[in-house]
Amino acid sequence: SWLDRVQPRLGVHRTRYDKAVHSTSGATSERVSETSHYNVSPVVNLTDRAALLGSWVTGLEESGSAPASAINREEVLPPGEAEQFELGARYALSPRLTLIAALFDVSKPSQGFRLDGSFGVVGEVRHRGFEASIAGELTPETSILAGVVAFESELTGTLVDAGLVGSHDVGVSRLVANATIERRFGNDWSLDATVSYMGERWPDTANTFKAPAVTTLSLGLRHGFMLGGRRADLRILASNLAGAEGYLVAQSGLLSPVPPRTVRALLTVALDAD
């Protein structure tokens, strides 16, 4: 820290990635790699309420294993080496409510199906966009957490140049937004509501069709009470109240239906009376 205004952070870390998968067929796939990564992240406090943020970081991203529908099923995929630049600001709207906004640029390998039916790296993807979030208390009884991410996605590489793979990443929405508000009543009751929006996604590497955007609404109730001298908590959550239909797309291209209207109840009881 310098003059209580500037806080530079520097880091270097060495990573050893060691993974083995034993499939149901009896085959074993394993991979070991060692890499070095770096990060720089200065913070400049302009005032007691405002600050500028910046960062450059490199690191590994888990890639998992090839899906069962690929000819190299359950093969351990190499971890993706990602690089991110970010420039943003933080502003305290009140002592208990903070706004954060930033521009970002992320580059990393993209996984997908190749023409021979194998699953692996098909190119390099770059995400450039904007993110913002607001979190904290509107009043002593009301809390809010809301965020939005919007970006452009571009896939490049030899397969893209040859026209064998599309220029957009699989299973990634260009616009995602979530908002949750919670209202507390006394010390033992609270109500909350959450709205989530997930934009269109490409399900295939050729970019031939899109899965439509999905918007869901959830409502929840929480009640704390004593049960047999022990603290208990009852949580009731109603999900997808609007009955949204459609499909969610994983980055492997796997399609899964949006869960229907669902009501869950969970009772938690502390074992220790204190």
Protein backbone atom coordinates (compact mmCIF):
# COMPACT_ATOMS: atom_id res chain seq x y z
CA SER A 1 0.00 0.00 0.00
CA TRP A 2 1.27 3.50 -0.86
CA LEU A 3 -0.10 6.66 0.79
CA ASP A 4 -3.30 4.72 1.63
CA ARG A 5 -4.36 5.30 -1.99
CA VAL A 6 -2.60 2.76 -4.20
CA GLN A 7 -2.50 -0.97 -3.54
CA PRO A 8 -0.41 -2.96 -6.05
CA ARG A 9 -0.62 -6.76 -5.97
CA LEU A 10 1.81 -9.04 -7.80
CA GLY A 11 1.80 -12.81 -7.88
CA VAL A 12 3.50 -15.82 -9.45
CA HIS A 13 2.35 -19.37 -8.98
CA ARG A 14 3.46 -22.76 -10.27
CA THR A 15 0.78 -25.37 -10.93
CA ARG A 16 1.07 -29.12 -11.33
CA TYR A 17 -2.07 -30.59 -12.90
CA ASP A 18 -2.42 -34.35 -12.41
CA LYS A 19 -5.65 -36.11 -13.34
CA ALA A 20 -6.67 -39.71 -14.06
CA VAL A 21 -10.08 -41.05 -15.11
CA HIS A 22 -10.99 -44.73 -14.77
CA SER A 23 -13.93 -45.41 -17.09
CA THR A 24 -16.65 -48.02 -16.64
CA SER A 25 -15.13 -49.92 -19.59
CA GLY A 26 -11.94 -50.44 -17.59
CA ALA A 27 -9.81 -48.03 -19.65
CA THR A 28 -7.71 -45.39 -17.90
CA SER A 29 -6.89 -41.92 -19.21
CA GLU A 30 -4.49 -39.61 -17.42
CA ARG A 31 -2.69 -36.33 -17.97
CA VAL A 32 0.07 -34.45 -16.13
CA SER A 33 1.22 -30.91 -16.90
CA GLU A 34 3.19 -28.19 -15.13
CA THR A 35 2.78 -24.49 -15.88
CA SER A 36 3.62 -21.09 -14.41
CA HIS A 37 1.09 -18.27 -14.12
CA TYR A 38 1.15 -14.61 -13.14
CA ASN A 39 -1.16 -11.86 -11.91
CA VAL A 40 -1.03 -8.08 -11.45
CA SER A 41 -3.94 -6.18 -9.87
CA PRO A 42 -3.60 -2.53 -8.78
CA VAL A 43 -6.34 -0.72 -6.84
CA VAL A 44 -6.44 3.09 -6.71
CA ASN A 45 -8.66 4.65 -4.05
CA LEU A 46 -9.87 7.96 -5.50
CA THR A 47 -12.03 8.86 -2.50
CA ASP A 48 -13.43 7.09 0.54
CA ARG A 49 -16.29 5.87 -1.66
CA ALA A 50 -14.74 5.39 -5.12
CA ALA A 51 -11.90 3.23 -6.42
CA LEU A 52 -10.46 2.15 -9.76
CA LEU A 53 -9.59 -1.52 -10.27
CA GLY A 54 -7.38 -3.24 -12.81
CA SER A 55 -6.04 -6.74 -13.31
CA TRP A 56 -4.08 -9.01 -15.59
CA VAL A 57 -4.09 -12.67 -14.70
CA THR A 58 -3.22 -15.99 -16.32
CA GLY A 59 -4.31 -19.36 -15.03
CA LEU A 60 -5.75 -22.80 -15.70
CA GLU A 61 -9.38 -23.68 -16.36
CA GLU A 62 -10.63 -27.23 -15.83
CA SER A 63 -11.67 -28.88 -19.10
CA GLY A 64 -13.01 -32.15 -17.70
CA SER A 65 -13.24 -35.27 -19.82
CA ALA A 66 -14.61 -36.01 -23.29
CA PRO A 67 -18.37 -36.76 -23.17
CA ALA A 68 -19.75 -40.27 -23.67
CA SER A 69 -20.97 -39.41 -27.18
CA ALA A 70 -17.41 -38.74 -28.43
CA ILE A 71 -15.14 -41.41 -29.92
CA ASN A 72 -12.52 -40.46 -27.31
CA ARG A 73 -15.08 -40.76 -24.51
CA GLU A 74 -13.82 -40.08 -20.96
CA GLU A 75 -10.38 -39.00 -22.23
CA VAL A 76 -8.82 -36.46 -19.88
CA LEU A 77 -8.71 -33.15 -21.73
CA PRO A 78 -5.82 -30.70 -21.27
CA PRO A 79 -6.65 -27.83 -18.90
CA GLY A 80 -7.22 -24.56 -20.71
CA GLU A 81 -4.66 -21.81 -20.18
CA ALA A 82 -6.67 -18.59 -19.88
CA GLU A 83 -5.62 -14.92 -19.87
CA GLN A 84 -7.79 -12.08 -18.58
CA PHE A 85 -7.54 -8.28 -18.61
CA GLU A 86 -10.00 -6.22 -16.59
CA LEU A 87 -10.53 -2.52 -15.88
CA GLY A 88 -13.31 -1.34 -13.60
CA ALA A 89 -14.53 0.82 -10.78
CA ARG A 90 -16.12 0.34 -7.38
CA TYR A 91 -18.43 2.92 -5.82
CA ALA A 92 -20.16 2.87 -2.43
CA LEU A 93 -23.69 4.11 -3.03
CA SER A 94 -24.17 3.99 0.74
CA PRO A 95 -22.23 2.50 3.66
CA ARG A 96 -23.97 -0.84 2.97
CA LEU A 97 -24.59 -0.78 -0.79
CA THR A 98 -21.81 -1.13 -3.39
CA LEU A 99 -21.77 -0.88 -7.18
CA ILE A 100 -19.01 -2.54 -9.21
CA ALA A 101 -18.65 -2.23 -13.00
CA ALA A 102 -15.85 -3.42 -15.29
CA LEU A 103 -14.73 -4.05 -18.85
CA PHE A 104 -13.01 -7.39 -19.48
CA ASP A 105 -11.15 -9.33 -22.16
CA VAL A 106 -10.72 -13.09 -21.70
CA SER A 107 -8.93 -15.48 -24.07
CA LYS A 108 -8.78 -19.27 -23.71
CA PRO A 109 -8.96 -22.51 -25.72
CA SER A 110 -12.43 -23.66 -26.79
CA GLN A 111 -13.56 -27.29 -26.62
CA GLY A 112 -16.01 -28.97 -28.99
CA PHE A 113 -16.70 -31.85 -31.36
CA ARG A 114 -14.41 -32.29 -34.36
CA LEU A 115 -15.42 -33.75 -37.73
CA ASP A 116 -14.04 -37.19 -36.81
CA GLY A 117 -16.36 -37.35 -33.79
CA SER A 118 -13.65 -36.71 -31.22
CA PHE A 119 -13.97 -34.01 -28.55
CA GLY A 120 -11.18 -31.55 -27.80
CA VAL A 121 -9.74 -28.15 -28.61
CA VAL A 122 -11.33 -26.66 -31.74
CA GLY A 123 -9.88 -23.13 -31.53
CA GLU A 124 -9.22 -20.09 -29.37
CA VAL A 125 -12.17 -18.13 -27.99
CA ARG A 126 -12.11 -14.48 -26.92
CA HIS A 127 -14.76 -12.83 -24.76
CA ARG A 128 -14.85 -9.03 -24.62
CA GLY A 129 -17.58 -7.30 -22.69
CA PHE A 130 -19.00 -5.50 -19.70
CA GLU A 131 -20.15 -6.66 -16.28
CA ALA A 132 -21.83 -4.84 -13.41
CA SER A 133 -23.22 -5.79 -10.03
CA ILE A 134 -24.86 -4.13 -7.07
CA ALA A 135 -24.91 -5.75 -3.65
CA GLY A 136 -25.82 -4.78 -0.12
CA GLU A 137 -28.72 -3.43 1.89
CA LEU A 138 -31.36 -1.03 0.59
CA THR A 139 -32.73 -0.75 4.15
CA PRO A 140 -31.84 -2.61 7.36
CA GLU A 141 -34.59 -5.13 6.47
CA THR A 142 -34.07 -5.38 2.69
CA SER A 143 -31.05 -6.82 0.85
CA ILE A 144 -30.36 -6.89 -2.88
CA LEU A 145 -27.91 -8.73 -5.12
CA ALA A 146 -28.09 -8.08 -8.87
CA GLY A 147 -25.69 -8.50 -11.76
CA VAL A 148 -25.44 -8.48 -15.54
CA VAL A 149 -22.79 -9.67 -17.99
CA ALA A 150 -22.88 -8.77 -21.70
CA PHE A 151 -20.09 -9.60 -24.14
CA GLU A 152 -19.07 -10.51 -27.66
CA SER A 153 -17.66 -13.97 -28.26
CA GLU A 154 -15.32 -14.79 -31.15
CA LEU A 155 -13.80 -18.16 -31.96
CA THR A 156 -10.70 -18.36 -34.16
CA GLY A 157 -8.39 -21.12 -35.40
CA THR A 158 -7.58 -23.34 -38.36
CA LEU A 159 -10.90 -25.21 -38.15
CA VAL A 160 -12.78 -21.90 -38.21
CA ASP A 161 -10.72 -20.65 -41.18
CA ALA A 162 -11.52 -23.86 -43.04
CA GLY A 163 -15.24 -23.39 -42.43
CA LEU A 164 -15.50 -26.62 -40.43
CA VAL A 165 -16.31 -24.86 -37.12
CA GLY A 166 -18.43 -21.76 -36.52
CA SER A 167 -17.08 -18.52 -35.08
CA HIS A 168 -19.08 -18.71 -31.83
CA ASP A 169 -18.38 -20.75 -28.70
CA VAL A 170 -20.72 -23.59 -27.68
CA GLY A 171 -22.90 -23.30 -24.57
CA VAL A 172 -22.15 -19.63 -23.83
CA SER A 173 -24.80 -16.92 -23.49
CA ARG A 174 -23.82 -13.44 -24.63
CA LEU A 175 -26.15 -11.90 -22.05
CA VAL A 176 -26.77 -13.18 -18.52
CA ALA A 177 -28.61 -11.29 -15.77
CA ASN A 178 -29.69 -12.21 -12.24
CA ALA A 179 -31.40 -10.27 -9.47
CA THR A 180 -32.36 -11.33 -5.95
CA ILE A 181 -34.13 -9.27 -3.30
CA GLU A 182 -34.73 -10.42 0.27
CA ARG A 183 -37.03 -8.86 2.85
CA ARG A 184 -36.64 -9.79 6.52
CA PHE A 185 -39.52 -9.69 9.00
CA GLY A 186 -38.29 -9.60 12.56
CA ASN A 187 -35.52 -12.03 13.46
CA ASP A 188 -37.15 -15.23 12.27
CA TRP A 189 -38.91 -14.68 8.91
CA SER A 190 -37.74 -13.65 5.45
CA LEU A 191 -39.09 -13.64 1.88
CA ASP A 192 -36.94 -13.58 -1.25
CA ALA A 193 -37.47 -13.41 -5.00
CA THR A 194 -35.02 -14.18 -7.81
CA VAL A 195 -35.26 -13.46 -11.53
CA SER A 196 -32.68 -15.08 -13.84
CA TYR A 197 -32.15 -14.52 -17.56
CA MET A 198 -29.88 -16.63 -19.73
CA GLY A 199 -29.49 -15.58 -23.36
CA GLU A 200 -29.43 -17.74 -26.48
CA ARG A 201 -26.73 -20.39 -26.78
CA TRP A 202 -25.20 -22.31 -29.68
CA PRO A 203 -25.49 -26.09 -29.05
CA ASP A 204 -23.12 -27.20 -31.84
CA THR A 205 -19.65 -26.21 -33.01
CA ALA A 206 -20.93 -25.63 -36.56
CA ASN A 207 -23.29 -22.93 -35.24
CA THR A 208 -26.28 -24.26 -37.19
CA PHE A 209 -28.99 -23.44 -34.62
CA LYS A 210 -29.55 -21.72 -31.26
CA ALA A 211 -31.27 -22.75 -28.05
CA PRO A 212 -33.67 -19.89 -27.13
CA ALA A 213 -33.15 -17.59 -24.15
CA VAL A 214 -34.64 -18.67 -20.81
CA THR A 215 -36.08 -16.48 -18.04
CA THR A 216 -37.06 -17.99 -14.68
CA LEU A 217 -38.69 -16.64 -11.51
CA SER A 218 -38.27 -18.14 -8.04
CA LEU A 219 -39.82 -17.24 -4.67
CA GLY A 220 -38.59 -18.38 -1.29
CA LEU A 221 -39.58 -18.32 2.37
CA ARG A 222 -37.30 -18.87 5.35
CA HIS A 223 -38.29 -19.28 9.00
CA GLY A 224 -36.02 -19.80 11.97
CA PHE A 225 -37.37 -21.32 15.19
CA MET A 226 -36.53 -23.54 18.14
CA LEU A 227 -37.28 -27.26 17.87
CA GLY A 228 -36.74 -29.39 20.96
CA GLY A 229 -34.37 -26.82 22.39
CA ARG A 230 -32.29 -26.70 19.20
CA ARG A 231 -32.12 -24.08 16.50
CA ALA A 232 -34.03 -25.06 13.35
CA ASP A 233 -34.45 -23.46 9.95
CA LEU A 234 -37.28 -24.11 7.46
CA ARG A 235 -36.64 -23.17 3.83
CA ILE A 236 -39.39 -23.38 1.17
CA LEU A 237 -38.43 -22.55 -2.43
CA ALA A 238 -40.72 -22.40 -5.47
CA SER A 239 -38.69 -22.45 -8.71
CA ASN A 240 -39.63 -21.53 -12.29
CA LEU A 241 -43.02 -20.15 -11.26
CA ALA A 242 -43.65 -18.73 -14.75
CA GLY A 243 -43.32 -22.22 -16.25
CA ALA A 244 -40.52 -21.34 -18.66
CA GLU A 245 -39.78 -24.09 -21.19
CA GLY A 246 -36.74 -24.77 -23.31
CA TYR A 247 -33.28 -26.27 -23.08
CA LEU A 248 -30.07 -25.42 -21.26
CA VAL A 249 -26.83 -25.99 -23.18
CA ALA A 250 -23.61 -27.15 -21.56
CA GLN A 251 -20.22 -26.28 -23.08
CA SER A 252 -19.99 -29.91 -24.21
CA GLY A 253 -23.09 -29.27 -26.35
CA LEU A 254 -25.27 -31.46 -24.12
CA LEU A 255 -28.90 -30.29 -24.04
CA SER A 256 -30.96 -30.59 -20.86
CA PRO A 257 -34.57 -29.43 -20.41
CA VAL A 258 -35.34 -26.47 -18.16
CA PRO A 259 -36.68 -27.93 -14.87
CA PRO A 260 -40.47 -27.48 -14.56
CA ARG A 261 -42.28 -25.66 -11.76
CA THR A 262 -40.90 -27.14 -8.56
CA VAL A 263 -41.53 -26.59 -4.85
CA ARG A 264 -38.95 -27.80 -2.34
CA ALA A 265 -38.97 -27.75 1.45
CA LEU A 266 -35.83 -28.20 3.54
CA LEU A 267 -35.67 -28.45 7.32
CA THR A 268 -32.29 -27.97 9.00
CA VAL A 269 -31.80 -28.69 12.71
CA ALA A 270 -28.64 -27.96 14.70
CA LEU A 271 -27.30 -30.97 16.62
CA ASP A 272 -25.71 -28.78 19.26
CA ALA A 273 -28.18 -26.99 21.54
CA ASP A 274 -25.76 -24.02 21.73
